[in-house]
Amino acid sequence: MALVPCQVLRAAILLSYCSILCNYKAIDMPAHQTYGGSWKFLTFIDLVIQAVFFGICVLTDLSSLLTRGNDSQEQERQLKKLISLRDWMMAVLAFPVGVFVVTMFWSIYIYDREMVYPKLLDNFIPAWLNHGMHTTVLPFVLIEMRTTHHQYPSRSCGLAAVCTFAVGYILWMCWIHHVTGVWVYPLLEHLSPGVKIIFFAAAVIIINVFYLVGEVLNNYIWDTQK
């Protein structure tokens, strides 16, 4: 028997994301006042994705509890829709985007933090909030994968959805640069146009690899082959 029920874990994780988002939005940072606001940062988008995902998880748990012992086919159908949405979000957004944010952020941070998280931000964002945005995402999503089996979509559909998200965000960054003349991340200022294309292509490939890693890990944990 688990020491802490998975339903309680999900509710606690959801509350932590709500706290992180509220504290982040309360920070009076100059970047929040420019074109695109917080929505130009993949970290913020990922936080919203994780909060929505765990919100759906908690809603699914509550619905499952309320429909237990109930023979209503309509309620059962609605519950199955919620479960399908939860599984799709886990496969296509929560896991690949979350792992991408954590690995890319800390890889670039260790190499040269000024390229992705300038030291100036330490005056606005406390260390605990930085880790809440860029570290705890990984263990939280792994906890969810370990405690609940998720039905992945077909590989072609899943990869197509991940590619759509990745390309969409890249186009969003390019549009922001077109409007403001400034790249969202300082790293991009140092790259030539040709290298930028290679960098963006590599990023799309990496997030697709993380999708496949999630699929394999989910199958391994729950032994779906058997």
C-alpha atoms as a PDB file:
ATOM      1  CA  MET A   1       0.000   0.000   0.000  1.00  0.00           C
ATOM      2  CA  ALA A   2       1.314   3.444  -0.891  1.00  0.00           C
ATOM      3  CA  LEU A   3       2.322   5.669   2.040  1.00  0.00           C
ATOM      4  CA  VAL A   4       0.486   8.596   0.425  1.00  0.00           C
ATOM      5  CA  PRO A   5      -2.531   7.983  -1.854  1.00  0.00           C
ATOM      6  CA  CYS A   6      -1.854   9.112  -5.425  1.00  0.00           C
ATOM      7  CA  GLN A   7      -4.987  11.292  -5.296  1.00  0.00           C
ATOM      8  CA  VAL A   8      -3.481  13.262  -2.402  1.00  0.00           C
ATOM      9  CA  LEU A   9      -0.168  13.577  -4.247  1.00  0.00           C
ATOM     10  CA  ARG A  10      -1.886  14.996  -7.321  1.00  0.00           C
ATOM     11  CA  ALA A  11      -3.827  17.527  -5.250  1.00  0.00           C
ATOM     12  CA  ALA A  12      -0.614  18.596  -3.472  1.00  0.00           C
ATOM     13  CA  ILE A  13       1.249  18.971  -6.782  1.00  0.00           C
ATOM     14  CA  LEU A  14      -1.624  21.022  -8.229  1.00  0.00           C
ATOM     15  CA  LEU A  15      -1.539  23.348  -5.213  1.00  0.00           C
ATOM     16  CA  SER A  16       2.227  23.744  -5.553  1.00  0.00           C
ATOM     17  CA  TYR A  17       1.868  24.756  -9.216  1.00  0.00           C
ATOM     18  CA  CYS A  18      -0.856  27.242  -8.318  1.00  0.00           C
ATOM     19  CA  SER A  19       1.474  28.731  -5.689  1.00  0.00           C
ATOM     20  CA  ILE A  20       4.392  28.925  -8.145  1.00  0.00           C
ATOM     21  CA  LEU A  21       2.248  30.593 -10.815  1.00  0.00           C
ATOM     22  CA  CYS A  22       0.802  33.122  -8.363  1.00  0.00           C
ATOM     23  CA  ASN A  23       4.239  34.032  -6.989  1.00  0.00           C
ATOM     24  CA  TYR A  24       5.716  34.285 -10.476  1.00  0.00           C
ATOM     25  CA  LYS A  25       2.925  36.552 -11.750  1.00  0.00           C
ATOM     26  CA  ALA A  26       3.274  38.746  -8.655  1.00  0.00           C
ATOM     27  CA  ILE A  27       6.895  39.577  -9.566  1.00  0.00           C
ATOM     28  CA  ASP A  28       7.272  43.029 -11.088  1.00  0.00           C
ATOM     29  CA  MET A  29       9.744  42.143 -13.844  1.00  0.00           C
ATOM     30  CA  PRO A  30      10.376  44.419 -16.846  1.00  0.00           C
ATOM     31  CA  ALA A  31      10.048  41.411 -19.191  1.00  0.00           C
ATOM     32  CA  HIS A  32       6.448  40.935 -18.072  1.00  0.00           C
ATOM     33  CA  GLN A  33       5.567  44.391 -19.373  1.00  0.00           C
ATOM     34  CA  THR A  34       6.933  43.882 -22.897  1.00  0.00           C
ATOM     35  CA  TYR A  35       5.199  42.369 -25.923  1.00  0.00           C
ATOM     36  CA  GLY A  36       3.989  38.837 -25.212  1.00  0.00           C
ATOM     37  CA  GLY A  37       4.271  39.209 -21.450  1.00  0.00           C
ATOM     38  CA  SER A  38       4.911  35.979 -19.568  1.00  0.00           C
ATOM     39  CA  TRP A  39       3.531  33.965 -22.479  1.00  0.00           C
ATOM     40  CA  LYS A  40       6.695  34.431 -24.514  1.00  0.00           C
ATOM     41  CA  PHE A  41       8.646  32.180 -22.106  1.00  0.00           C
ATOM     42  CA  LEU A  42       8.422  28.411 -22.532  1.00  0.00           C
ATOM     43  CA  THR A  43       8.920  28.013 -18.787  1.00  0.00           C
ATOM     44  CA  PHE A  44       5.694  29.892 -18.059  1.00  0.00           C
ATOM     45  CA  ILE A  45       3.799  28.026 -20.782  1.00  0.00           C
ATOM     46  CA  ASP A  46       5.037  24.748 -19.279  1.00  0.00           C
ATOM     47  CA  LEU A  47       3.897  25.794 -15.803  1.00  0.00           C
ATOM     48  CA  VAL A  48       0.418  26.464 -17.171  1.00  0.00           C
ATOM     49  CA  ILE A  49       0.454  23.098 -18.980  1.00  0.00           C
ATOM     50  CA  GLN A  50       1.468  21.278 -15.784  1.00  0.00           C
ATOM     51  CA  ALA A  51      -1.136  23.101 -13.676  1.00  0.00           C
ATOM     52  CA  VAL A  52      -3.912  22.360 -16.185  1.00  0.00           C
ATOM     53  CA  PHE A  53      -2.783  18.739 -16.478  1.00  0.00           C
ATOM     54  CA  PHE A  54      -2.764  18.104 -12.736  1.00  0.00           C
ATOM     55  CA  GLY A  55      -6.055  19.985 -12.469  1.00  0.00           C
ATOM     56  CA  ILE A  56      -7.539  17.480 -14.921  1.00  0.00           C
ATOM     57  CA  CYS A  57      -5.967  14.643 -12.894  1.00  0.00           C
ATOM     58  CA  VAL A  58      -7.628  15.897  -9.700  1.00  0.00           C
ATOM     59  CA  LEU A  59     -10.935  16.391 -11.540  1.00  0.00           C
ATOM     60  CA  THR A  60     -10.682  12.830 -12.881  1.00  0.00           C
ATOM     61  CA  ASP A  61     -10.064  11.498  -9.366  1.00  0.00           C
ATOM     62  CA  LEU A  62     -13.081  13.375  -8.023  1.00  0.00           C
ATOM     63  CA  SER A  63     -15.285  12.205 -10.882  1.00  0.00           C
ATOM     64  CA  SER A  64     -14.141   8.627 -10.388  1.00  0.00           C
ATOM     65  CA  LEU A  65     -14.974   8.867  -6.694  1.00  0.00           C
ATOM     66  CA  LEU A  66     -18.407  10.370  -7.323  1.00  0.00           C
ATOM     67  CA  THR A  67     -19.358   7.832 -10.004  1.00  0.00           C
ATOM     68  CA  ARG A  68     -18.186   4.806  -8.014  1.00  0.00           C
ATOM     69  CA  GLY A  69     -21.111   2.448  -7.558  1.00  0.00           C
ATOM     70  CA  ASN A  70     -23.199   4.526  -9.960  1.00  0.00           C
ATOM     71  CA  ASP A  71     -24.685   2.741 -12.974  1.00  0.00           C
ATOM     72  CA  SER A  72     -25.217   5.921 -15.016  1.00  0.00           C
ATOM     73  CA  GLN A  73     -23.831   5.329 -18.507  1.00  0.00           C
ATOM     74  CA  GLU A  74     -23.668   9.079 -19.213  1.00  0.00           C
ATOM     75  CA  GLN A  75     -21.461   9.696 -16.172  1.00  0.00           C
ATOM     76  CA  GLU A  76     -19.294   6.761 -17.158  1.00  0.00           C
ATOM     77  CA  ARG A  77     -18.937   8.196 -20.660  1.00  0.00           C
ATOM     78  CA  GLN A  78     -17.941  11.619 -19.314  1.00  0.00           C
ATOM     79  CA  LEU A  79     -15.380   9.992 -17.014  1.00  0.00           C
ATOM     80  CA  LYS A  80     -13.837   8.125 -19.937  1.00  0.00           C
ATOM     81  CA  LYS A  81     -13.532  11.421 -21.824  1.00  0.00           C
ATOM     82  CA  LEU A  82     -11.727  12.979 -18.871  1.00  0.00           C
ATOM     83  CA  ILE A  83      -9.363  10.017 -18.641  1.00  0.00           C
ATOM     84  CA  SER A  84      -8.641  10.213 -22.371  1.00  0.00           C
ATOM     85  CA  LEU A  85      -7.893  13.955 -22.104  1.00  0.00           C
ATOM     86  CA  ARG A  86      -5.672  13.357 -19.074  1.00  0.00           C
ATOM     87  CA  ASP A  87      -3.707  10.638 -20.867  1.00  0.00           C
ATOM     88  CA  TRP A  88      -3.342  12.723 -24.038  1.00  0.00           C
ATOM     89  CA  MET A  89      -2.035  15.724 -22.111  1.00  0.00           C
ATOM     90  CA  MET A  90       0.445  13.560 -20.237  1.00  0.00           C
ATOM     91  CA  ALA A  91       1.769  11.978 -23.419  1.00  0.00           C
ATOM     92  CA  VAL A  92       1.893  15.021 -25.713  1.00  0.00           C
ATOM     93  CA  LEU A  93       2.448  17.993 -23.409  1.00  0.00           C
ATOM     94  CA  ALA A  94       3.135  17.384 -19.714  1.00  0.00           C
ATOM     95  CA  PHE A  95       5.956  14.855 -20.084  1.00  0.00           C
ATOM     96  CA  PRO A  96       7.844  15.943 -23.241  1.00  0.00           C
ATOM     97  CA  VAL A  97       7.537  19.700 -22.653  1.00  0.00           C
ATOM     98  CA  GLY A  98       8.290  19.391 -18.932  1.00  0.00           C
ATOM     99  CA  VAL A  99      11.385  17.244 -19.466  1.00  0.00           C
ATOM    100  CA  PHE A 100      12.520  19.510 -22.326  1.00  0.00           C
ATOM    101  CA  VAL A 101      12.288  22.629 -20.155  1.00  0.00           C
ATOM    102  CA  VAL A 102      14.231  21.068 -17.273  1.00  0.00           C
ATOM    103  CA  THR A 103      17.009  19.493 -19.355  1.00  0.00           C
ATOM    104  CA  MET A 104      17.504  22.399 -21.761  1.00  0.00           C
ATOM    105  CA  PHE A 105      17.404  25.052 -19.036  1.00  0.00           C
ATOM    106  CA  TRP A 106      19.955  23.418 -16.764  1.00  0.00           C
ATOM    107  CA  SER A 107      22.206  22.321 -19.645  1.00  0.00           C
ATOM    108  CA  ILE A 108      22.478  25.885 -20.953  1.00  0.00           C
ATOM    109  CA  TYR A 109      22.569  27.322 -17.409  1.00  0.00           C
ATOM    110  CA  ILE A 110      25.602  25.196 -16.505  1.00  0.00           C
ATOM    111  CA  TYR A 111      27.361  26.163 -19.753  1.00  0.00           C
ATOM    112  CA  ASP A 112      26.611  29.897 -19.535  1.00  0.00           C
ATOM    113  CA  ARG A 113      23.687  31.093 -17.464  1.00  0.00           C
ATOM    114  CA  GLU A 114      23.683  34.512 -19.150  1.00  0.00           C
ATOM    115  CA  MET A 115      22.379  32.844 -22.318  1.00  0.00           C
ATOM    116  CA  VAL A 116      19.156  31.652 -20.709  1.00  0.00           C
ATOM    117  CA  TYR A 117      18.828  33.070 -17.171  1.00  0.00           C
ATOM    118  CA  PRO A 118      20.892  36.257 -16.693  1.00  0.00           C
ATOM    119  CA  LYS A 119      22.206  36.911 -13.193  1.00  0.00           C
ATOM    120  CA  LEU A 120      20.058  40.052 -13.134  1.00  0.00           C
ATOM    121  CA  LEU A 121      16.993  37.803 -12.672  1.00  0.00           C
ATOM    122  CA  ASP A 122      18.275  36.799  -9.221  1.00  0.00           C
ATOM    123  CA  ASN A 123      17.110  40.236  -8.070  1.00  0.00           C
ATOM    124  CA  PHE A 124      13.543  39.380  -9.054  1.00  0.00           C
ATOM    125  CA  ILE A 125      13.182  35.592  -8.788  1.00  0.00           C
ATOM    126  CA  PRO A 126      14.153  33.823  -5.522  1.00  0.00           C
ATOM    127  CA  ALA A 127      16.063  30.538  -5.736  1.00  0.00           C
ATOM    128  CA  TRP A 128      13.118  28.437  -4.495  1.00  0.00           C
ATOM    129  CA  LEU A 129      10.889  29.828  -7.235  1.00  0.00           C
ATOM    130  CA  ASN A 130      13.537  29.173  -9.880  1.00  0.00           C
ATOM    131  CA  HIS A 131      13.688  25.520  -8.802  1.00  0.00           C
ATOM    132  CA  GLY A 132       9.900  25.382  -8.716  1.00  0.00           C
ATOM    133  CA  MET A 133       9.841  26.442 -12.365  1.00  0.00           C
ATOM    134  CA  HIS A 134      12.867  24.540 -13.666  1.00  0.00           C
ATOM    135  CA  THR A 135      13.557  21.571 -11.355  1.00  0.00           C
ATOM    136  CA  THR A 136      10.538  20.094  -9.571  1.00  0.00           C
ATOM    137  CA  VAL A 137       8.660  19.719 -12.863  1.00  0.00           C
ATOM    138  CA  LEU A 138      10.663  16.563 -13.617  1.00  0.00           C
ATOM    139  CA  PRO A 139      10.081  14.643 -10.355  1.00  0.00           C
ATOM    140  CA  PHE A 140       6.415  15.672 -10.333  1.00  0.00           C
ATOM    141  CA  VAL A 141       5.755  14.297 -13.808  1.00  0.00           C
ATOM    142  CA  LEU A 142       7.722  11.126 -13.010  1.00  0.00           C
ATOM    143  CA  ILE A 143       5.642  10.616  -9.856  1.00  0.00           C
ATOM    144  CA  GLU A 144       2.478  10.888 -11.946  1.00  0.00           C
ATOM    145  CA  MET A 145       3.802   8.408 -14.499  1.00  0.00           C
ATOM    146  CA  ARG A 146       4.746   5.955 -11.751  1.00  0.00           C
ATOM    147  CA  THR A 147       1.435   6.139  -9.900  1.00  0.00           C
ATOM    148  CA  THR A 148      -0.959   6.057 -12.877  1.00  0.00           C
ATOM    149  CA  HIS A 149      -0.985   4.166 -16.156  1.00  0.00           C
ATOM    150  CA  HIS A 150      -1.560   6.465 -19.124  1.00  0.00           C
ATOM    151  CA  GLN A 151      -2.825   5.286 -22.482  1.00  0.00           C
ATOM    152  CA  TYR A 152      -0.616   6.836 -25.171  1.00  0.00           C
ATOM    153  CA  PRO A 153      -2.090   7.795 -28.570  1.00  0.00           C
ATOM    154  CA  SER A 154      -0.786   6.184 -31.738  1.00  0.00           C
ATOM    155  CA  ARG A 155       2.851   7.130 -32.251  1.00  0.00           C
ATOM    156  CA  SER A 156       2.199   9.038 -35.483  1.00  0.00           C
ATOM    157  CA  CYS A 157      -0.571  11.135 -33.900  1.00  0.00           C
ATOM    158  CA  GLY A 158       1.464  11.759 -30.765  1.00  0.00           C
ATOM    159  CA  LEU A 159       4.583  12.859 -32.652  1.00  0.00           C
ATOM    160  CA  ALA A 160       2.481  15.056 -34.965  1.00  0.00           C
ATOM    161  CA  ALA A 161       0.954  16.816 -31.948  1.00  0.00           C
ATOM    162  CA  VAL A 162       4.363  17.335 -30.303  1.00  0.00           C
ATOM    163  CA  CYS A 163       5.792  18.724 -33.564  1.00  0.00           C
ATOM    164  CA  THR A 164       2.828  21.074 -33.889  1.00  0.00           C
ATOM    165  CA  PHE A 165       3.427  22.453 -30.400  1.00  0.00           C
ATOM    166  CA  ALA A 166       7.194  22.830 -30.932  1.00  0.00           C
ATOM    167  CA  VAL A 167       6.916  24.503 -34.326  1.00  0.00           C
ATOM    168  CA  GLY A 168       4.113  26.719 -33.026  1.00  0.00           C
ATOM    169  CA  TYR A 169       6.288  27.987 -30.185  1.00  0.00           C
ATOM    170  CA  ILE A 170       9.243  28.582 -32.522  1.00  0.00           C
ATOM    171  CA  LEU A 171       7.000  30.625 -34.837  1.00  0.00           C
ATOM    172  CA  TRP A 172       5.727  32.541 -31.797  1.00  0.00           C
ATOM    173  CA  MET A 173       9.326  33.423 -30.822  1.00  0.00           C
ATOM    174  CA  CYS A 174      10.094  34.506 -34.390  1.00  0.00           C
ATOM    175  CA  TRP A 175       6.999  36.690 -34.447  1.00  0.00           C
ATOM    176  CA  ILE A 176       8.015  38.357 -31.173  1.00  0.00           C
ATOM    177  CA  HIS A 177      11.447  39.055 -32.668  1.00  0.00           C
ATOM    178  CA  HIS A 178       9.785  40.451 -35.789  1.00  0.00           C
ATOM    179  CA  VAL A 179       7.659  42.844 -33.702  1.00  0.00           C
ATOM    180  CA  THR A 180      10.208  43.880 -31.050  1.00  0.00           C
ATOM    181  CA  GLY A 181      13.566  43.202 -32.690  1.00  0.00           C
ATOM    182  CA  VAL A 182      14.631  41.241 -29.597  1.00  0.00           C
ATOM    183  CA  TRP A 183      14.856  37.482 -29.156  1.00  0.00           C
ATOM    184  CA  VAL A 184      13.091  35.975 -26.161  1.00  0.00           C
ATOM    185  CA  TYR A 185      16.283  34.205 -25.040  1.00  0.00           C
ATOM    186  CA  PRO A 186      19.708  35.927 -25.077  1.00  0.00           C
ATOM    187  CA  LEU A 187      21.222  32.720 -26.505  1.00  0.00           C
ATOM    188  CA  LEU A 188      19.543  33.370 -29.861  1.00  0.00           C
ATOM    189  CA  GLU A 189      21.161  36.792 -30.160  1.00  0.00           C
ATOM    190  CA  HIS A 190      24.569  35.097 -30.551  1.00  0.00           C
ATOM    191  CA  LEU A 191      23.536  32.687 -33.326  1.00  0.00           C
ATOM    192  CA  SER A 192      23.702  33.343 -37.046  1.00  0.00           C
ATOM    193  CA  PRO A 193      20.521  32.747 -39.110  1.00  0.00           C
ATOM    194  CA  GLY A 194      21.816  29.391 -40.361  1.00  0.00           C
ATOM    195  CA  VAL A 195      22.773  28.228 -36.881  1.00  0.00           C
ATOM    196  CA  LYS A 196      19.376  29.346 -35.570  1.00  0.00           C
ATOM    197  CA  ILE A 197      17.662  27.075 -38.090  1.00  0.00           C
ATOM    198  CA  ILE A 198      19.848  24.159 -36.974  1.00  0.00           C
ATOM    199  CA  PHE A 199      19.159  24.997 -33.313  1.00  0.00           C
ATOM    200  CA  PHE A 200      15.390  25.118 -33.862  1.00  0.00           C
ATOM    201  CA  ALA A 201      15.451  21.847 -35.831  1.00  0.00           C
ATOM    202  CA  ALA A 202      17.496  20.191 -33.070  1.00  0.00           C
ATOM    203  CA  ALA A 203      15.025  21.437 -30.452  1.00  0.00           C
ATOM    204  CA  VAL A 204      12.098  19.899 -32.373  1.00  0.00           C
ATOM    205  CA  ILE A 205      13.982  16.597 -32.664  1.00  0.00           C
ATOM    206  CA  ILE A 206      14.877  16.600 -28.952  1.00  0.00           C
ATOM    207  CA  ILE A 207      11.298  17.186 -27.784  1.00  0.00           C
ATOM    208  CA  ASN A 208      10.156  14.355 -30.076  1.00  0.00           C
ATOM    209  CA  VAL A 209      12.807  12.111 -28.520  1.00  0.00           C
ATOM    210  CA  PHE A 210      11.431  12.989 -25.091  1.00  0.00           C
ATOM    211  CA  TYR A 211       7.962  11.973 -26.300  1.00  0.00           C
ATOM    212  CA  LEU A 212       9.356   8.570 -27.300  1.00  0.00           C
ATOM    213  CA  VAL A 213      11.198   8.293 -23.971  1.00  0.00           C
ATOM    214  CA  GLY A 214       7.919   8.932 -22.160  1.00  0.00           C
ATOM    215  CA  GLU A 215       6.150   6.286 -24.203  1.00  0.00           C
ATOM    216  CA  VAL A 216       8.874   3.702 -23.572  1.00  0.00           C
ATOM    217  CA  LEU A 217       9.064   4.571 -19.865  1.00  0.00           C
ATOM    218  CA  ASN A 218       5.292   4.321 -19.489  1.00  0.00           C
ATOM    219  CA  ASN A 219       5.307   0.904 -21.181  1.00  0.00           C
ATOM    220  CA  TYR A 220       8.223  -0.268 -19.056  1.00  0.00           C
ATOM    221  CA  ILE A 221       6.667   0.838 -15.758  1.00  0.00           C
ATOM    222  CA  TRP A 222       3.281  -0.684 -16.487  1.00  0.00           C
ATOM    223  CA  ASP A 223       4.509  -3.621 -18.580  1.00  0.00           C
ATOM    224  CA  THR A 224       1.895  -3.060 -21.273  1.00  0.00           C
ATOM    225  CA  GLN A 225       3.529  -5.683 -23.480  1.00  0.00           C
ATOM    226  CA  LYS A 226       2.205  -8.335 -21.133  1.00  0.00           C
END
